[in-house]
């Protein structure tokens, strides 16, 4: 599967947080997140391994009892079922891979 860059297809996940599924394989999903300064991802966990790379901006990640402030070029991996959250310190763009495929992030059929 291939994906050609487009400004279309983003959807609001939370206040100040947009996402777009880019491409999926049999067991992985690649997602782009646009994160607005001052927004936050609340504490949560899920049955997906989550590996990310920060393209721009600054975020503070909380994974279990660890805290990391990430800037452009930094990356992370969050194990399945691990509690985590994030604070967006400056407008940011992140790319993340979810395994297995996170169905709730896929575009609706026909869109």
N, C-alpha and C. Protein backbone atom coordinates (compact mmCIF):
# COMPACT_ATOMS: atom_id res chain seq x y z
N UNK A 1 0.85 -1.17 0.00
CA UNK A 1 0.00 0.00 0.00
C UNK A 1 0.90 1.24 0.00
N UNK A 2 0.45 2.25 -0.73
CA UNK A 2 1.17 3.51 -0.80
C UNK A 2 0.27 4.64 -0.35
N UNK A 3 0.89 5.70 0.14
CA UNK A 3 0.15 6.89 0.53
C UNK A 3 0.83 8.09 -0.09
N UNK A 4 0.07 8.92 -0.81
CA UNK A 4 0.58 10.17 -1.37
C UNK A 4 0.15 11.31 -0.45
N UNK A 5 1.07 12.16 -0.08
CA UNK A 5 0.81 13.25 0.85
C UNK A 5 -0.39 14.10 0.41
N UNK A 6 -1.19 14.46 1.39
CA UNK A 6 -2.38 15.27 1.15
C UNK A 6 -2.74 16.01 2.43
N UNK A 7 -3.29 17.20 2.29
CA UNK A 7 -3.74 17.96 3.45
C UNK A 7 -5.13 17.56 3.91
N UNK A 8 -5.75 16.62 3.21
CA UNK A 8 -7.10 16.15 3.55
C UNK A 8 -7.04 14.96 4.49
N UNK A 9 -8.19 14.65 5.09
CA UNK A 9 -8.33 13.40 5.84
C UNK A 9 -8.04 13.47 7.32
N UNK A 10 -7.72 14.66 7.87
CA UNK A 10 -7.48 14.77 9.30
C UNK A 10 -8.82 14.79 10.03
N UNK A 11 -8.85 14.23 11.21
CA UNK A 11 -10.06 14.30 12.02
C UNK A 11 -9.69 14.65 13.45
N UNK A 12 -10.62 15.32 14.12
CA UNK A 12 -10.40 15.75 15.51
C UNK A 12 -10.49 14.53 16.42
N UNK A 13 -9.43 14.25 17.16
CA UNK A 13 -9.44 13.16 18.13
C UNK A 13 -9.86 13.70 19.49
N UNK A 14 -9.25 14.80 19.88
CA UNK A 14 -9.53 15.52 21.13
C UNK A 14 -9.33 17.00 20.85
N UNK A 15 -9.71 17.83 21.80
CA UNK A 15 -9.49 19.27 21.65
C UNK A 15 -8.01 19.53 21.39
N UNK A 16 -7.69 20.15 20.24
CA UNK A 16 -6.30 20.49 19.91
C UNK A 16 -5.48 19.33 19.37
N UNK A 17 -6.11 18.20 19.09
CA UNK A 17 -5.38 17.03 18.60
C UNK A 17 -6.11 16.45 17.38
N UNK A 18 -5.41 16.46 16.24
CA UNK A 18 -5.94 15.88 15.01
C UNK A 18 -5.10 14.68 14.62
N UNK A 19 -5.75 13.72 13.96
CA UNK A 19 -5.01 12.55 13.49
C UNK A 19 -5.44 12.18 12.09
N UNK A 20 -4.54 11.50 11.40
CA UNK A 20 -4.85 10.95 10.09
C UNK A 20 -4.10 9.64 9.93
N UNK A 21 -4.85 8.57 9.63
CA UNK A 21 -4.22 7.28 9.30
C UNK A 21 -3.57 7.44 7.93
N UNK A 22 -2.28 7.10 7.83
CA UNK A 22 -1.56 7.28 6.58
C UNK A 22 -1.56 6.00 5.75
N UNK A 23 -1.06 4.93 6.33
CA UNK A 23 -0.95 3.67 5.59
C UNK A 23 -0.98 2.53 6.60
N UNK A 24 -1.51 1.41 6.18
CA UNK A 24 -1.56 0.26 7.07
C UNK A 24 -1.03 -0.98 6.38
N UNK A 25 -0.47 -1.86 7.20
CA UNK A 25 -0.05 -3.16 6.73
C UNK A 25 -0.94 -4.20 7.36
N UNK A 26 -0.52 -5.42 7.28
CA UNK A 26 -1.30 -6.50 7.87
C UNK A 26 -1.35 -6.40 9.39
N UNK A 27 -0.25 -5.92 10.01
CA UNK A 27 -0.18 -5.87 11.47
C UNK A 27 0.17 -4.49 12.04
N UNK A 28 0.35 -3.48 11.18
CA UNK A 28 0.74 -2.15 11.68
C UNK A 28 -0.09 -1.06 11.01
N UNK A 29 -0.17 0.08 11.72
CA UNK A 29 -0.86 1.26 11.21
C UNK A 29 0.03 2.47 11.46
N UNK A 30 0.27 3.28 10.44
CA UNK A 30 1.06 4.50 10.55
C UNK A 30 0.10 5.69 10.61
N UNK A 31 0.25 6.54 11.65
CA UNK A 31 -0.67 7.65 11.89
C UNK A 31 0.12 8.94 12.09
N UNK A 32 -0.40 10.03 11.51
CA UNK A 32 0.18 11.37 11.74
C UNK A 32 -0.72 12.11 12.72
N UNK A 33 -0.11 12.74 13.71
CA UNK A 33 -0.83 13.56 14.68
C UNK A 33 -0.39 15.00 14.57
N UNK A 34 -1.35 15.92 14.56
CA UNK A 34 -1.08 17.36 14.65
C UNK A 34 -1.56 17.78 16.03
N UNK A 35 -0.64 18.31 16.82
CA UNK A 35 -0.88 18.58 18.24
C UNK A 35 -0.72 20.07 18.52
N UNK A 36 -1.72 20.66 19.12
CA UNK A 36 -1.72 22.10 19.38
C UNK A 36 -1.20 22.40 20.79
N UNK A 37 -0.32 23.40 20.89
CA UNK A 37 0.23 23.82 22.17
C UNK A 37 -0.89 24.00 23.19
N UNK A 38 -0.66 23.48 24.41
CA UNK A 38 -1.63 23.60 25.49
C UNK A 38 -2.63 22.46 25.56
N UNK A 39 -2.69 21.64 24.54
CA UNK A 39 -3.61 20.49 24.59
C UNK A 39 -2.94 19.33 25.32
N UNK A 40 -3.73 18.31 25.60
CA UNK A 40 -3.19 17.17 26.36
C UNK A 40 -3.91 15.90 25.96
N UNK A 41 -3.17 14.81 26.00
CA UNK A 41 -3.76 13.47 25.87
C UNK A 41 -3.92 12.95 27.29
N UNK A 42 -5.14 12.64 27.71
CA UNK A 42 -5.34 12.17 29.08
C UNK A 42 -4.73 10.78 29.29
N UNK A 43 -4.52 10.44 30.55
CA UNK A 43 -3.96 9.13 30.90
C UNK A 43 -4.89 8.04 30.35
N UNK A 44 -4.27 7.06 29.68
CA UNK A 44 -5.02 5.95 29.11
C UNK A 44 -4.08 4.78 28.85
N UNK A 45 -4.65 3.67 28.51
CA UNK A 45 -3.87 2.52 28.06
C UNK A 45 -4.68 1.82 26.99
N UNK A 46 -4.03 0.98 26.19
CA UNK A 46 -4.71 0.25 25.12
C UNK A 46 -3.88 -0.98 24.75
N UNK A 47 -4.51 -1.92 24.05
CA UNK A 47 -3.82 -3.17 23.70
C UNK A 47 -2.96 -3.06 22.45
N UNK A 48 -2.36 -1.88 22.22
CA UNK A 48 -1.51 -1.67 21.05
C UNK A 48 -0.12 -1.24 21.50
N UNK A 49 0.90 -1.79 20.86
CA UNK A 49 2.23 -1.24 21.03
C UNK A 49 2.26 0.04 20.20
N UNK A 50 2.88 1.10 20.73
CA UNK A 50 2.85 2.41 20.10
C UNK A 50 4.28 2.94 20.04
N UNK A 51 4.77 3.17 18.82
CA UNK A 51 6.13 3.67 18.62
C UNK A 51 6.03 4.98 17.86
N UNK A 52 6.69 6.03 18.37
CA UNK A 52 6.53 7.34 17.76
C UNK A 52 7.82 8.07 17.49
N UNK A 53 7.69 9.09 16.63
CA UNK A 53 8.80 9.96 16.23
C UNK A 53 8.25 11.38 16.14
N UNK A 54 8.91 12.33 16.80
CA UNK A 54 8.46 13.71 16.79
C UNK A 54 9.15 14.47 15.65
N UNK A 55 8.34 14.94 14.69
CA UNK A 55 8.87 15.69 13.55
C UNK A 55 9.15 17.13 13.92
N UNK A 56 8.25 17.74 14.71
CA UNK A 56 8.41 19.14 15.09
C UNK A 56 7.70 19.40 16.40
N UNK A 57 8.07 20.50 17.05
CA UNK A 57 7.43 20.90 18.29
C UNK A 57 8.06 20.30 19.53
N UNK A 58 7.32 20.37 20.64
CA UNK A 58 7.79 19.82 21.92
C UNK A 58 6.61 19.21 22.64
N UNK A 59 6.84 18.03 23.21
CA UNK A 59 5.82 17.36 24.02
C UNK A 59 6.47 16.77 25.26
N UNK A 60 5.66 16.58 26.28
CA UNK A 60 6.12 15.90 27.49
C UNK A 60 5.31 14.60 27.59
N UNK A 61 6.01 13.49 27.59
CA UNK A 61 5.39 12.17 27.65
C UNK A 61 5.53 11.58 29.04
N UNK A 62 4.47 10.97 29.52
CA UNK A 62 4.45 10.26 30.80
C UNK A 62 4.08 8.82 30.47
N UNK A 63 4.99 7.89 30.72
CA UNK A 63 4.74 6.47 30.48
C UNK A 63 5.04 5.74 31.77
N UNK A 64 3.98 5.18 32.38
CA UNK A 64 4.18 4.57 33.70
C UNK A 64 4.68 5.63 34.66
N UNK A 65 5.82 5.38 35.30
CA UNK A 65 6.40 6.36 36.23
C UNK A 65 7.54 7.15 35.60
N UNK A 66 7.69 7.06 34.28
CA UNK A 66 8.76 7.80 33.58
C UNK A 66 8.20 9.02 32.88
N UNK A 67 9.02 10.08 32.84
CA UNK A 67 8.65 11.33 32.17
C UNK A 67 9.78 11.70 31.22
N UNK A 68 9.42 12.13 30.01
CA UNK A 68 10.43 12.54 29.04
C UNK A 68 9.91 13.73 28.26
N UNK A 69 10.72 14.77 28.14
CA UNK A 69 10.38 15.90 27.29
C UNK A 69 11.03 15.64 25.94
N UNK A 70 10.21 15.60 24.88
CA UNK A 70 10.69 15.25 23.55
C UNK A 70 10.67 16.46 22.63
N UNK A 71 11.68 16.54 21.77
CA UNK A 71 11.79 17.57 20.75
C UNK A 71 11.97 16.93 19.40
N UNK A 72 12.10 17.74 18.35
CA UNK A 72 12.24 17.20 17.00
C UNK A 72 13.36 16.16 16.90
N UNK A 73 13.03 15.03 16.29
CA UNK A 73 14.00 13.96 16.12
C UNK A 73 13.98 12.92 17.22
N UNK A 74 13.29 13.20 18.33
CA UNK A 74 13.21 12.23 19.43
C UNK A 74 12.14 11.19 19.11
N UNK A 75 12.30 10.00 19.71
CA UNK A 75 11.36 8.91 19.48
C UNK A 75 11.08 8.17 20.77
N UNK A 76 10.04 7.32 20.76
CA UNK A 76 9.62 6.59 21.95
C UNK A 76 8.92 5.30 21.54
N UNK A 77 8.81 4.41 22.49
CA UNK A 77 8.04 3.19 22.31
C UNK A 77 7.28 2.94 23.60
N UNK A 78 5.97 2.73 23.47
CA UNK A 78 5.11 2.51 24.62
C UNK A 78 4.57 1.08 24.52
N UNK A 79 4.89 0.24 25.50
CA UNK A 79 4.42 -1.16 25.46
C UNK A 79 2.90 -1.26 25.53
N UNK A 80 2.38 -2.34 25.05
CA UNK A 80 0.95 -2.62 25.13
C UNK A 80 0.48 -2.52 26.57
N UNK A 81 -0.72 -1.99 26.77
CA UNK A 81 -1.39 -1.91 28.07
C UNK A 81 -0.68 -1.05 29.11
N UNK A 82 0.28 -0.22 28.70
CA UNK A 82 0.98 0.68 29.62
C UNK A 82 0.22 2.00 29.72
N UNK A 83 -0.03 2.47 30.94
CA UNK A 83 -0.66 3.77 31.11
C UNK A 83 0.29 4.86 30.63
N UNK A 84 -0.26 5.81 29.87
CA UNK A 84 0.55 6.93 29.37
C UNK A 84 -0.34 8.12 29.11
N UNK A 85 0.30 9.29 29.03
CA UNK A 85 -0.38 10.55 28.72
C UNK A 85 0.65 11.49 28.14
N UNK A 86 0.18 12.64 27.62
CA UNK A 86 1.11 13.62 27.05
C UNK A 86 0.58 15.03 27.24
N UNK A 87 1.51 15.97 27.37
CA UNK A 87 1.22 17.40 27.39
C UNK A 87 1.92 18.01 26.18
N UNK A 88 1.22 18.86 25.45
CA UNK A 88 1.79 19.47 24.26
C UNK A 88 2.35 20.84 24.65
N UNK A 89 3.67 20.96 24.61
CA UNK A 89 4.36 22.17 25.06
C UNK A 89 4.50 23.22 23.96
N UNK A 90 4.53 22.79 22.70
CA UNK A 90 4.60 23.68 21.54
C UNK A 90 3.93 22.93 20.39
N UNK A 91 3.30 23.66 19.48
CA UNK A 91 2.66 22.99 18.34
C UNK A 91 3.60 21.92 17.80
N UNK A 92 3.04 20.73 17.54
CA UNK A 92 3.88 19.59 17.19
C UNK A 92 3.23 18.72 16.13
N UNK A 93 4.08 17.97 15.44
CA UNK A 93 3.65 16.93 14.51
C UNK A 93 4.41 15.66 14.89
N UNK A 94 3.65 14.59 15.11
CA UNK A 94 4.25 13.30 15.47
C UNK A 94 3.75 12.23 14.52
N UNK A 95 4.60 11.26 14.25
CA UNK A 95 4.24 10.09 13.46
C UNK A 95 4.34 8.89 14.40
N UNK A 96 3.28 8.06 14.41
CA UNK A 96 3.29 6.89 15.30
C UNK A 96 2.83 5.65 14.56
N UNK A 97 3.39 4.53 14.97
CA UNK A 97 3.02 3.21 14.46
C UNK A 97 2.32 2.47 15.57
N UNK A 98 1.17 1.89 15.26
CA UNK A 98 0.42 1.07 16.21
C UNK A 98 0.41 -0.37 15.71
N UNK A 99 0.66 -1.29 16.62
CA UNK A 99 0.61 -2.72 16.29
C UNK A 99 -0.07 -3.46 17.43
N UNK A 100 -1.08 -4.26 17.13
CA UNK A 100 -1.67 -4.48 15.80
C UNK A 100 -2.40 -3.24 15.31
N UNK A 101 -2.97 -3.33 14.11
CA UNK A 101 -3.68 -2.20 13.50
C UNK A 101 -4.76 -1.69 14.46
N UNK A 102 -4.77 -0.40 14.66
CA UNK A 102 -5.76 0.23 15.53
C UNK A 102 -6.97 0.61 14.68
N UNK A 103 -7.97 -0.24 14.69
CA UNK A 103 -9.16 -0.10 13.83
C UNK A 103 -9.88 1.22 14.04
N UNK A 104 -9.92 1.73 15.28
CA UNK A 104 -10.67 2.97 15.55
C UNK A 104 -10.01 4.20 14.92
N UNK A 105 -8.79 4.08 14.43
CA UNK A 105 -8.11 5.20 13.78
C UNK A 105 -8.24 5.14 12.25
N UNK A 106 -8.77 4.06 11.71
CA UNK A 106 -8.93 3.93 10.26
C UNK A 106 -10.04 4.84 9.77
N UNK A 107 -9.91 5.34 8.53
CA UNK A 107 -10.99 6.18 7.99
C UNK A 107 -12.28 5.35 7.89
N UNK A 108 -13.41 6.04 8.01
CA UNK A 108 -14.70 5.36 7.84
C UNK A 108 -14.81 4.85 6.41
N UNK A 109 -15.48 3.74 6.23
CA UNK A 109 -15.68 3.16 4.90
C UNK A 109 -16.30 4.21 3.98
N UNK A 110 -15.74 4.33 2.78
CA UNK A 110 -16.27 5.27 1.80
C UNK A 110 -15.71 6.67 1.91
N UNK A 111 -14.81 6.94 2.90
CA UNK A 111 -14.26 8.30 2.98
C UNK A 111 -12.83 8.33 2.49
